[in-house]
N, C-alpha and C. Protein backbone atom coordinates (compact mmCIF):
# COMPACT_ATOMS: atom_id res chain seq x y z
N UNK A 1 -23.49 -7.05 -5.63
CA UNK A 1 -22.62 -7.27 -6.77
C UNK A 1 -21.77 -6.03 -7.07
N UNK A 2 -22.30 -4.85 -6.80
CA UNK A 2 -21.56 -3.64 -7.13
C UNK A 2 -20.29 -3.53 -6.29
N UNK A 3 -20.29 -4.11 -5.11
CA UNK A 3 -19.10 -4.06 -4.25
C UNK A 3 -17.96 -4.84 -4.89
N UNK A 4 -18.26 -5.92 -5.60
CA UNK A 4 -17.21 -6.67 -6.29
C UNK A 4 -16.52 -5.82 -7.34
N UNK A 5 -17.29 -5.03 -8.08
CA UNK A 5 -16.70 -4.12 -9.07
C UNK A 5 -15.88 -3.04 -8.38
N UNK A 6 -16.34 -2.62 -7.22
CA UNK A 6 -15.63 -1.63 -6.41
C UNK A 6 -14.25 -2.16 -6.02
N UNK A 7 -14.19 -3.37 -5.54
CA UNK A 7 -12.92 -3.96 -5.08
C UNK A 7 -12.00 -4.27 -6.26
N UNK A 8 -12.54 -4.80 -7.34
CA UNK A 8 -11.67 -5.18 -8.46
C UNK A 8 -11.03 -3.96 -9.13
N UNK A 9 -11.68 -2.80 -9.05
CA UNK A 9 -11.11 -1.59 -9.61
C UNK A 9 -10.40 -0.73 -8.57
N UNK A 10 -10.53 -1.08 -7.29
CA UNK A 10 -9.82 -0.38 -6.22
C UNK A 10 -10.32 1.03 -5.95
N UNK A 11 -11.62 1.25 -6.07
CA UNK A 11 -12.17 2.58 -5.84
C UNK A 11 -13.20 2.54 -4.72
N UNK A 12 -13.43 3.68 -4.08
CA UNK A 12 -14.47 3.80 -3.07
C UNK A 12 -15.81 3.98 -3.77
N UNK A 13 -16.89 3.65 -3.06
CA UNK A 13 -18.19 3.65 -3.70
C UNK A 13 -19.28 4.08 -2.72
N UNK A 14 -20.22 4.85 -3.22
CA UNK A 14 -21.44 5.17 -2.47
C UNK A 14 -22.59 4.63 -3.30
N UNK A 15 -23.34 3.70 -2.70
CA UNK A 15 -24.49 3.11 -3.39
C UNK A 15 -25.74 3.74 -2.82
N UNK A 16 -26.32 4.65 -3.56
CA UNK A 16 -27.53 5.34 -3.14
C UNK A 16 -28.72 4.65 -3.77
N UNK A 17 -29.76 4.44 -2.97
CA UNK A 17 -30.97 3.82 -3.51
C UNK A 17 -32.20 4.42 -2.86
N UNK A 18 -33.29 4.37 -3.56
CA UNK A 18 -34.55 4.88 -3.04
C UNK A 18 -35.37 3.70 -2.52
N UNK A 19 -35.89 3.84 -1.31
CA UNK A 19 -36.72 2.81 -0.68
C UNK A 19 -35.98 1.49 -0.54
N UNK A 20 -34.73 1.58 -0.11
CA UNK A 20 -33.91 0.38 0.08
C UNK A 20 -32.76 0.72 1.02
N UNK A 21 -31.68 -0.06 0.96
CA UNK A 21 -30.51 0.15 1.81
C UNK A 21 -29.43 0.89 1.03
N UNK A 22 -29.06 2.08 1.49
CA UNK A 22 -27.97 2.84 0.89
C UNK A 22 -26.71 2.59 1.70
N UNK A 23 -25.57 2.45 1.02
CA UNK A 23 -24.32 2.14 1.72
C UNK A 23 -23.14 2.88 1.10
N UNK A 24 -22.09 3.04 1.91
CA UNK A 24 -20.82 3.59 1.44
C UNK A 24 -19.74 2.55 1.72
N UNK A 25 -18.86 2.32 0.73
CA UNK A 25 -17.83 1.30 0.84
C UNK A 25 -16.44 1.88 0.64
N UNK A 26 -15.48 1.35 1.38
CA UNK A 26 -14.06 1.67 1.24
C UNK A 26 -13.54 1.00 -0.02
N UNK A 27 -12.40 1.44 -0.53
CA UNK A 27 -11.84 0.88 -1.77
C UNK A 27 -11.45 -0.60 -1.64
N UNK A 28 -11.40 -1.12 -0.40
CA UNK A 28 -11.11 -2.54 -0.20
C UNK A 28 -12.37 -3.34 0.09
N UNK A 29 -13.54 -2.72 -0.03
CA UNK A 29 -14.80 -3.42 0.14
C UNK A 29 -15.41 -3.37 1.52
N UNK A 30 -14.77 -2.66 2.46
CA UNK A 30 -15.31 -2.56 3.80
C UNK A 30 -16.48 -1.57 3.82
N UNK A 31 -17.61 -1.95 4.44
CA UNK A 31 -18.70 -0.99 4.55
C UNK A 31 -18.36 0.11 5.55
N UNK A 32 -18.54 1.35 5.15
CA UNK A 32 -18.23 2.49 6.02
C UNK A 32 -19.48 3.05 6.69
N UNK A 33 -20.59 3.03 5.98
CA UNK A 33 -21.84 3.55 6.53
C UNK A 33 -23.01 2.91 5.80
N UNK A 34 -24.13 2.83 6.50
CA UNK A 34 -25.33 2.27 5.90
C UNK A 34 -26.55 3.02 6.42
N UNK A 35 -27.57 3.10 5.60
CA UNK A 35 -28.82 3.74 6.00
C UNK A 35 -29.98 2.97 5.39
N UNK A 36 -30.88 2.52 6.25
CA UNK A 36 -32.08 1.83 5.79
C UNK A 36 -33.20 2.85 5.63
N UNK A 37 -33.76 2.90 4.46
CA UNK A 37 -34.78 3.89 4.13
C UNK A 37 -35.99 3.81 5.07
N UNK A 38 -36.39 2.60 5.44
CA UNK A 38 -37.60 2.42 6.23
C UNK A 38 -37.39 2.59 7.73
N UNK A 39 -36.16 2.61 8.21
CA UNK A 39 -35.89 2.73 9.64
C UNK A 39 -35.20 4.04 10.02
N UNK A 40 -35.09 4.97 9.10
CA UNK A 40 -34.44 6.26 9.36
C UNK A 40 -35.41 7.38 8.99
N UNK A 41 -35.57 8.33 9.91
CA UNK A 41 -36.49 9.43 9.63
C UNK A 41 -35.86 10.54 8.79
N UNK A 42 -34.58 10.88 9.06
CA UNK A 42 -33.98 12.00 8.34
C UNK A 42 -33.48 11.60 6.95
N UNK A 43 -33.22 10.34 6.72
CA UNK A 43 -32.79 9.79 5.42
C UNK A 43 -31.59 10.52 4.83
N UNK A 44 -30.58 10.73 5.67
CA UNK A 44 -29.32 11.33 5.23
C UNK A 44 -28.19 10.38 5.62
N UNK A 45 -27.41 9.98 4.63
CA UNK A 45 -26.27 9.09 4.86
C UNK A 45 -25.00 9.94 4.89
N UNK A 46 -24.25 9.82 5.99
CA UNK A 46 -23.00 10.57 6.13
C UNK A 46 -21.86 9.58 6.33
N UNK A 47 -20.80 9.75 5.54
CA UNK A 47 -19.64 8.87 5.67
C UNK A 47 -18.39 9.61 5.21
N UNK A 48 -17.25 9.28 5.80
CA UNK A 48 -15.96 9.80 5.36
C UNK A 48 -15.36 8.78 4.40
N UNK A 49 -15.35 9.14 3.13
CA UNK A 49 -14.89 8.24 2.08
C UNK A 49 -13.48 8.63 1.67
N UNK A 50 -12.51 7.68 1.67
CA UNK A 50 -11.17 8.02 1.19
C UNK A 50 -11.19 8.28 -0.31
N UNK A 51 -10.45 9.27 -0.74
CA UNK A 51 -10.43 9.60 -2.16
C UNK A 51 -9.30 8.90 -2.91
N UNK A 52 -8.46 8.17 -2.19
CA UNK A 52 -7.35 7.49 -2.87
C UNK A 52 -7.84 6.23 -3.57
N UNK A 53 -7.10 5.84 -4.56
CA UNK A 53 -7.41 4.63 -5.31
C UNK A 53 -6.32 3.61 -5.05
N UNK A 54 -6.68 2.35 -4.97
CA UNK A 54 -5.73 1.27 -4.76
C UNK A 54 -5.51 0.57 -6.09
N UNK A 55 -4.27 0.37 -6.47
CA UNK A 55 -3.98 -0.35 -7.71
C UNK A 55 -4.24 -1.84 -7.50
N UNK A 56 -5.01 -2.43 -8.39
CA UNK A 56 -5.31 -3.85 -8.33
C UNK A 56 -4.82 -4.51 -9.61
N UNK A 57 -4.72 -5.84 -9.58
CA UNK A 57 -4.28 -6.58 -10.75
C UNK A 57 -5.24 -6.34 -11.92
N UNK A 58 -6.54 -6.40 -11.65
CA UNK A 58 -7.52 -6.18 -12.72
C UNK A 58 -7.48 -4.75 -13.22
N UNK A 59 -7.29 -3.80 -12.31
CA UNK A 59 -7.22 -2.41 -12.71
C UNK A 59 -6.03 -2.12 -13.61
N UNK A 60 -4.94 -2.84 -13.39
CA UNK A 60 -3.73 -2.64 -14.21
C UNK A 60 -3.79 -3.38 -15.54
N UNK A 61 -4.39 -4.58 -15.55
CA UNK A 61 -4.38 -5.40 -16.76
C UNK A 61 -5.69 -5.38 -17.52
N UNK A 62 -6.79 -5.06 -16.87
CA UNK A 62 -8.08 -5.07 -17.55
C UNK A 62 -8.51 -6.49 -17.88
N UNK A 63 -9.05 -6.69 -19.06
CA UNK A 63 -9.55 -8.00 -19.46
C UNK A 63 -8.50 -8.85 -20.17
N UNK A 64 -7.25 -8.46 -20.16
CA UNK A 64 -6.22 -9.24 -20.84
C UNK A 64 -6.00 -10.60 -20.21
N UNK A 65 -6.04 -10.69 -18.89
CA UNK A 65 -5.81 -11.98 -18.23
C UNK A 65 -6.88 -13.01 -18.61
N UNK A 66 -8.18 -12.70 -18.51
CA UNK A 66 -9.17 -13.70 -18.94
C UNK A 66 -9.08 -14.03 -20.43
N UNK A 67 -8.76 -13.03 -21.24
CA UNK A 67 -8.65 -13.28 -22.69
C UNK A 67 -7.48 -14.21 -22.99
N UNK A 68 -6.38 -14.09 -22.26
CA UNK A 68 -5.24 -14.98 -22.46
C UNK A 68 -5.48 -16.37 -21.88
N UNK A 69 -6.37 -16.51 -20.92
CA UNK A 69 -6.67 -17.82 -20.34
C UNK A 69 -7.39 -18.73 -21.34
N UNK A 70 -8.17 -18.17 -22.23
CA UNK A 70 -8.92 -18.98 -23.20
C UNK A 70 -7.97 -19.70 -24.16
N UNK A 71 -7.00 -19.02 -24.80
CA UNK A 71 -6.06 -19.77 -25.65
C UNK A 71 -5.19 -20.74 -24.85
N UNK A 72 -4.85 -20.38 -23.63
CA UNK A 72 -4.05 -21.30 -22.80
C UNK A 72 -4.82 -22.59 -22.51
N UNK A 73 -6.12 -22.47 -22.29
CA UNK A 73 -6.95 -23.66 -22.08
C UNK A 73 -6.94 -24.52 -23.34
N UNK A 74 -7.06 -23.91 -24.51
CA UNK A 74 -7.00 -24.66 -25.76
C UNK A 74 -5.67 -25.37 -25.94
N UNK A 75 -4.57 -24.71 -25.60
CA UNK A 75 -3.24 -25.32 -25.72
C UNK A 75 -3.11 -26.50 -24.76
N UNK A 76 -3.60 -26.35 -23.54
CA UNK A 76 -3.52 -27.45 -22.57
C UNK A 76 -4.37 -28.64 -22.99
N UNK A 77 -5.53 -28.38 -23.57
CA UNK A 77 -6.36 -29.48 -24.08
C UNK A 77 -5.67 -30.18 -25.24
N UNK A 78 -5.05 -29.41 -26.12
CA UNK A 78 -4.32 -29.98 -27.26
C UNK A 78 -3.15 -30.85 -26.78
N UNK A 79 -2.39 -30.37 -25.78
CA UNK A 79 -1.27 -31.14 -25.23
C UNK A 79 -1.78 -32.42 -24.58
N UNK A 80 -2.87 -32.34 -23.83
CA UNK A 80 -3.43 -33.54 -23.18
C UNK A 80 -3.91 -34.54 -24.22
N UNK A 81 -4.51 -34.07 -25.32
CA UNK A 81 -4.98 -34.96 -26.37
C UNK A 81 -3.81 -35.65 -27.08
N UNK A 82 -2.71 -34.92 -27.28
CA UNK A 82 -1.52 -35.52 -27.92
C UNK A 82 -0.91 -36.59 -27.04
N UNK A 83 -0.83 -36.33 -25.73
CA UNK A 83 -0.26 -37.32 -24.81
C UNK A 83 -1.12 -38.56 -24.71
N UNK A 84 -2.45 -38.38 -24.78
CA UNK A 84 -3.36 -39.53 -24.70
C UNK A 84 -3.26 -40.37 -25.96
N UNK A 85 -2.99 -39.74 -27.11
CA UNK A 85 -2.87 -40.46 -28.38
C UNK A 85 -1.59 -41.27 -28.50
N UNK A 86 -0.56 -40.94 -27.75
CA UNK A 86 0.71 -41.67 -27.84
C UNK A 86 0.65 -42.94 -27.13
């Protein structure tokens, strides 16, 4: 799930975990490196992570789009109810 937040904000991510799978992701969601805790003896994850950020629609608008969709749904339901009543 954290990769979805990574992509929607357009940032690179390193997900470090203990006794699990640690991974590094590109700002577009591509996995760059992975390390399984139980199958690696040195337990060091190395990856070249880009420091640039990608502008995304969600990153630019935030929660305004979903907030505006709720009143639009109400308006469409109201219009459909008026047409059905005629």
